[in-house]
Protein backbone atom coordinates (compact mmCIF):
# COMPACT_ATOMS: atom_id res chain seq x y z
CA MET A 1 0.94 8.65 22.24
CA ASN A 2 0.31 7.73 25.85
CA ARG A 3 1.80 4.22 26.24
CA LYS A 4 -0.38 3.29 29.19
CA ALA A 5 -3.52 4.22 27.26
CA PHE A 6 -2.25 2.39 24.16
CA PHE A 7 -1.74 -0.86 26.06
CA THR A 8 -5.07 -0.44 27.83
CA LEU A 9 -6.66 -0.66 24.39
CA HIS A 10 -4.40 -3.34 22.94
CA ARG A 11 -3.80 -5.65 25.90
CA ASP A 12 -5.34 -9.08 25.24
CA LEU A 13 -6.47 -8.26 21.69
CA PRO A 14 -6.02 -11.36 19.51
CA ARG A 15 -3.99 -9.51 16.89
CA GLU A 16 -1.83 -6.41 16.59
CA GLY A 17 -2.39 -6.01 12.88
CA PRO A 18 -4.20 -7.45 9.86
CA GLY A 19 -3.72 -11.13 9.12
CA GLU A 20 -5.42 -14.51 9.08
CA ARG A 21 -4.53 -18.19 9.23
CA SER A 22 -4.79 -18.63 5.48
CA ASP A 23 -1.94 -16.14 4.94
CA VAL A 24 0.42 -18.44 6.81
CA SER A 25 -0.96 -21.54 5.10
CA TRP A 26 -0.46 -19.95 1.69
CA ALA A 27 3.15 -19.01 2.44
CA ALA A 28 3.91 -22.48 3.82
CA GLU A 29 2.43 -24.15 0.74
CA VAL A 30 4.32 -21.89 -1.66
CA LEU A 31 7.58 -22.66 0.12
CA GLY A 32 6.93 -26.35 0.73
CA LEU A 33 7.74 -25.68 4.38
CA LYS A 34 9.21 -28.69 6.19
CA ARG A 35 7.34 -30.19 9.14
CA ASP A 36 10.34 -29.56 11.35
CA ALA A 37 11.24 -26.13 10.02
CA ARG A 38 13.08 -23.61 12.16
CA ILE A 39 10.83 -20.55 12.19
CA CYS A 40 11.20 -17.03 13.52
CA ASP A 41 8.10 -14.89 14.13
CA ALA A 42 9.66 -11.43 14.14
CA ALA A 43 7.64 -8.79 16.04
CA CYS A 44 5.19 -11.51 17.02
CA GLY A 45 2.96 -9.30 19.18
CA PRO A 46 0.74 -11.50 21.36
CA GLY A 47 1.55 -14.50 19.15
CA ALA A 48 -1.48 -14.49 16.85
CA ASP A 49 0.29 -16.19 13.94
CA ILE A 50 2.16 -18.84 15.92
CA PRO A 51 -0.70 -21.39 15.97
CA ALA A 52 -0.95 -21.17 12.18
CA LEU A 53 2.82 -21.55 11.85
CA LEU A 54 2.70 -24.68 14.02
CA PHE A 55 -0.24 -26.06 12.05
CA ALA A 56 1.77 -25.63 8.85
CA ALA A 57 4.87 -27.18 10.41
CA PRO A 58 3.78 -29.39 13.35
CA GLU A 59 7.31 -30.36 14.39
CA ALA A 60 8.72 -26.87 14.01
CA ARG A 61 10.75 -24.92 16.52
CA VAL A 62 9.24 -21.43 16.58
CA THR A 63 11.08 -18.50 18.12
CA GLY A 64 8.87 -15.47 18.54
CA PHE A 65 10.07 -12.11 19.72
CA ASP A 66 8.75 -8.62 20.21
CA LEU A 67 10.22 -5.39 21.55
CA HIS A 68 7.22 -4.56 23.74
CA GLN A 69 7.25 -6.42 27.04
CA PRO A 70 3.44 -6.59 27.45
CA PHE A 71 3.18 -8.49 24.15
CA VAL A 72 6.06 -10.74 25.15
CA ASP A 73 4.30 -11.52 28.42
CA ASP A 74 1.01 -12.29 26.67
CA ALA A 75 2.64 -14.56 24.08
CA ALA A 76 4.80 -16.32 26.66
CA ALA A 77 1.76 -17.08 28.82
CA ARG A 78 -0.18 -18.31 25.78
CA PHE A 79 2.49 -20.84 24.78
CA ALA A 80 3.92 -21.64 28.21
CA ARG A 81 3.03 -25.33 27.87
CA ASP A 82 4.25 -25.78 24.28
CA ASP A 83 7.91 -26.74 24.22
CA ARG A 84 8.03 -26.05 20.48
CA VAL A 85 7.72 -22.32 21.15
CA THR A 86 10.20 -19.86 22.64
CA ILE A 87 9.14 -16.26 23.27
CA LEU A 88 11.73 -13.54 23.86
CA ARG A 89 12.05 -9.80 24.01
CA GLY A 90 14.09 -8.77 21.00
CA ARG A 91 14.65 -6.31 18.17
CA LEU A 92 14.17 -6.48 14.42
CA ILE A 93 17.71 -5.23 13.83
CA ALA A 94 20.71 -5.23 16.17
CA ASP A 95 21.06 -2.08 18.26
CA ASP A 96 24.30 -1.17 20.02
CA ALA A 97 22.28 0.63 22.70
CA ASP A 98 21.28 -2.64 24.35
CA ASP A 99 21.93 -6.37 24.24
CA LEU A 100 18.49 -7.52 23.08
CA PRO A 101 18.72 -10.36 20.53
CA ASP A 102 17.75 -10.05 16.89
CA PRO A 103 17.15 -12.74 14.21
CA VAL A 104 20.86 -13.04 13.42
CA ASP A 105 21.55 -13.91 17.06
CA LEU A 106 18.69 -16.41 17.18
CA GLY A 107 19.01 -18.19 13.83
CA PRO A 108 19.54 -19.84 11.50
CA PHE A 109 15.94 -20.11 10.31
CA ASP A 110 14.21 -21.82 7.42
CA LEU A 111 11.52 -19.12 7.55
CA ILE A 112 11.37 -15.67 9.05
CA TRP A 113 7.76 -14.52 9.29
CA CYS A 114 7.14 -10.83 9.90
CA ALA A 115 3.59 -9.43 9.87
CA GLY A 116 3.46 -5.69 9.31
CA ALA A 117 6.64 -4.65 11.13
CA ALA A 118 9.47 -4.50 8.58
CA TYR A 119 8.64 -0.88 7.74
CA PHE A 120 9.86 0.26 11.18
CA HIS A 121 13.43 0.06 9.89
CA GLY A 122 12.73 -0.10 6.15
CA VAL A 123 12.15 -3.15 3.97
CA THR A 124 15.56 -3.02 2.28
CA GLU A 125 17.41 -2.49 5.55
CA VAL A 126 15.60 -5.31 7.35
CA LEU A 127 16.07 -7.81 4.54
CA ARG A 128 19.79 -7.03 4.34
CA ALA A 129 20.17 -7.36 8.10
CA TRP A 130 18.34 -10.69 8.22
CA ARG A 131 20.22 -12.41 5.43
CA PRO A 132 22.80 -14.01 7.79
CA ALA A 133 19.90 -15.35 9.89
CA LEU A 134 18.62 -17.57 7.06
CA ALA A 135 19.55 -21.22 6.78
CA PRO A 136 20.54 -22.46 3.30
CA GLY A 137 17.39 -22.29 1.16
CA GLY A 138 15.63 -20.18 3.80
CA ALA A 139 13.04 -17.53 3.00
CA ILE A 140 11.37 -14.48 4.49
CA ALA A 141 7.64 -13.78 4.36
CA PHE A 142 6.64 -10.27 5.36
CA SER A 143 3.63 -8.02 4.94
CA ASP A 144 3.90 -4.32 4.26
CA ALA A 145 1.27 -1.60 3.88
CA VAL A 146 0.88 -0.45 0.28
CA TYR A 147 -1.29 1.89 -1.70
CA LEU A 148 -3.54 0.07 -4.15
CA THR A 149 -3.91 3.17 -6.30
CA ASP A 150 -1.57 5.87 -7.56
CA THR A 151 -4.01 8.51 -6.30
CA PRO A 152 -5.06 7.69 -2.71
CA CYS A 153 -7.45 10.20 -1.19
CA ALA A 154 -6.47 12.70 1.50
CA ALA A 155 -8.05 10.63 4.27
CA VAL A 156 -5.96 7.60 3.34
CA ARG A 157 -2.74 9.61 3.10
CA GLN A 158 -3.43 11.16 6.49
CA ASN A 159 -4.14 7.73 7.93
CA TRP A 160 -0.65 6.60 6.87
CA ALA A 161 1.16 9.86 7.62
CA GLU A 162 3.47 8.06 10.07
CA TYR A 163 4.70 5.90 7.16
CA PRO A 164 5.88 8.53 4.67
CA ALA A 165 7.82 5.92 2.65
CA MET A 166 4.65 3.92 1.94
CA THR A 167 4.47 3.01 -1.74
CA VAL A 168 2.69 0.73 -4.22
CA ALA A 169 3.51 -2.93 -4.92
CA ASP A 170 6.14 -2.04 -7.53
CA GLY A 171 7.87 0.15 -4.97
CA VAL A 172 8.07 -2.73 -2.51
CA ALA A 173 9.46 -4.95 -5.28
CA ALA A 174 12.19 -2.38 -5.93
CA ARG A 175 13.15 -2.39 -2.24
CA ILE A 176 13.29 -6.18 -2.22
CA LYS A 177 15.57 -6.19 -5.25
CA ALA A 178 17.78 -3.50 -3.71
CA ALA A 179 18.31 -5.79 -0.71
CA GLY A 180 19.58 -8.57 -2.97
CA TYR A 181 16.46 -10.75 -2.84
CA GLU A 182 14.11 -12.19 -5.41
CA ILE A 183 10.35 -12.44 -5.05
CA VAL A 184 8.93 -15.95 -4.88
CA GLN A 185 5.27 -14.89 -4.79
CA THR A 186 3.09 -12.08 -3.44
CA ARG A 187 -0.56 -11.55 -2.61
CA VAL A 188 -2.69 -8.80 -1.09
CA LEU A 189 -4.35 -9.68 2.21
CA GLY A 190 -8.13 -10.09 1.97
CA ASP A 191 -10.88 -8.37 3.94
CA ALA A 192 -11.02 -11.18 6.51
CA ALA A 193 -7.46 -10.34 7.56
CA TRP A 194 -8.50 -6.78 8.36
CA GLU A 195 -11.76 -7.76 10.04
CA GLY A 196 -9.77 -10.08 12.29
CA TYR A 197 -7.94 -7.02 13.59
CA TYR A 198 -10.45 -4.19 13.44
CA GLY A 199 -13.51 -6.15 14.60
CA PRO A 200 -12.09 -6.98 18.06
CA THR A 201 -10.49 -3.53 18.28
CA GLU A 202 -13.79 -1.75 17.64
CA ARG A 203 -15.55 -3.86 20.24
CA ARG A 204 -12.84 -3.05 22.77
CA ILE A 205 -13.14 0.66 21.95
CA GLU A 206 -16.85 0.69 22.74
CA LYS A 207 -16.28 -1.23 25.97
CA LEU A 208 -13.61 1.21 27.15
CA ARG A 209 -15.30 4.50 26.24
CA PRO A 210 -17.47 4.86 29.37
CA GLY A 211 -15.29 6.49 32.00
CA ALA A 212 -12.21 6.85 29.76
CA ASP A 213 -9.87 9.69 30.74
CA ALA A 214 -8.49 12.20 28.22
CA ALA A 215 -5.41 10.14 27.29
CA LEU A 216 -7.38 6.96 26.74
CA THR A 217 -10.11 8.81 24.84
CA GLN A 218 -7.50 10.15 22.42
CA VAL A 219 -6.14 6.65 21.80
CA LEU A 220 -9.66 5.27 21.31
CA ASP A 221 -10.58 8.06 18.89
CA GLU A 222 -7.44 7.51 16.82
CA ALA A 223 -8.01 3.76 16.64
CA ALA A 224 -11.66 4.22 15.69
CA GLN A 225 -10.69 6.65 12.94
CA GLU A 226 -8.11 4.19 11.60
CA ALA A 227 -10.75 1.47 11.37
CA ARG A 228 -13.23 3.88 9.79
CA VAL A 229 -10.77 4.85 7.05
CA TRP A 230 -10.25 1.20 6.17
CA ARG A 231 -13.99 0.52 6.04
CA GLU A 232 -14.60 3.53 3.79
CA HIS A 233 -11.48 3.33 1.57
CA ARG A 234 -10.34 -0.30 1.63
CA ASP A 235 -9.93 -0.28 -2.15
CA GLU A 236 -7.14 2.32 -1.86
CA PHE A 237 -4.70 0.57 0.48
CA GLY A 238 -3.91 -2.85 1.86
CA TYR A 239 -1.17 -5.18 3.05
CA LEU A 240 1.05 -6.90 0.51
CA LEU A 241 2.41 -10.26 1.69
CA SER A 242 5.72 -11.01 -0.05
CA ILE A 243 7.68 -14.26 0.05
CA VAL A 244 11.32 -13.61 -0.80
CA ARG A 245 14.66 -15.42 -0.96
CA PRO A 246 18.24 -14.20 -1.39
CA ALA A 247 18.96 -13.84 -5.09
């Protein structure tokens, strides 16, 4: 994928994946999150979930990080005047190839929030790596794409071809257990979470189409197809939000 074209589409979008404020509120209520909790927003993108995290814990210290510098820049500008928020460039898991921080370097945290990014390294691997980053009694809330049927159609499988390990909810539960965690609660994200991502994306696609070069047109077509698959087959896949703690 052409990175310049990708960021032309995604720059300034409110979200980089499905989610809504009520997801954060639900997780905070389930956990009884303290007002002054120490929170990590791992792979925070442009910082879409940080306002909800601060609403749930008004005296919190939130550390958000993302690997992609354009998202870091957007989030840092958004929260430049809020001394409760620190935005950094960082990795999900430590990498010897560079000195970018990861949650273990930045913690300890009462909550690590990760919307739709744990699969980059694998749910089990990420949960194991993050365990030392949790304060006593701390928890992780993460969303992961799952099939909602044992027989997803060809269009859905093709849509998620870049995630060959994608499974159903029971498969995610097995990965959580393998990492040495127990599930506190789970829920599947609702349609509003997806509309909050695809609605603005589709409007941006239509705005950018006139005059788009070949690289940008390819990115726009792929994004439009992704949204179309969700609209036509939303009953076959979704995001499972899991709240977990070390067992």
